[in-house]
């Protein structure tokens, strides 16, 4: 199956002001975030991307647009299933204030039990995001082959939840995962299991992701096996 490159959007004004942006409309990248988006776009520029899919929120669309700018003919598609968690009544509030709410401790220790007041449950957020990634992955396997590379631009908690699923971890462990702004997290899905290729990567080369052509006269079959002792 194809490989998805999960990109968290660049830094936004909400990130620096210490507020929970959630699905607040119009939250854009700040100057640093714009530079971060351009930098991750440069890192991805040499990859033969089959698709770019993005959350509908502006900060993600800006990041996706920067990536698409360096891939002629590739236009980002929007998928609402990749949007930020619906934080409901928490949206727009200061993180320092929210940290005093009794629900904060549950979010930290037992997120699978959390439904935000007036909003979405974290279990529902994980399910729709994982469904989105797997659906796009399967569609691109049919249209571009099993070695296709594609980008999904989303949000910190959403990407952490997708990673937890790929690792077979309970959602209650996902707070152990760190996903920085404009970082890349890479997962290859196979028929048996996903492989987490990279996590929260902001600097390494990405050209090694480009699939190597099979030896002349041979057809390379994709394997779900992990190499004993490492690759």
Foldseek 3Di string as FASTA:
>chain_A
DEKEKEWEFFAWPCNVVQAAAAQPAPTARDPRRLVLLLQLLVLCLPAPAPAEEEAPHHRQQSSSVSNVVSPPPYDYHYDNLQEGFWQAPRHGGGPVVVCPDPVVVCCLQPQQPDDHVRGGRLVSSLVSLLVVVVVVQVVCCVVPNLHHYHYYYHHFSNVLSNVCVQVVHDSSPSVVAGADHRFIWMWRQDPPGIDGPDGNHRDDHDVVSHDDDDPPPDDDDDDPDADVPHD
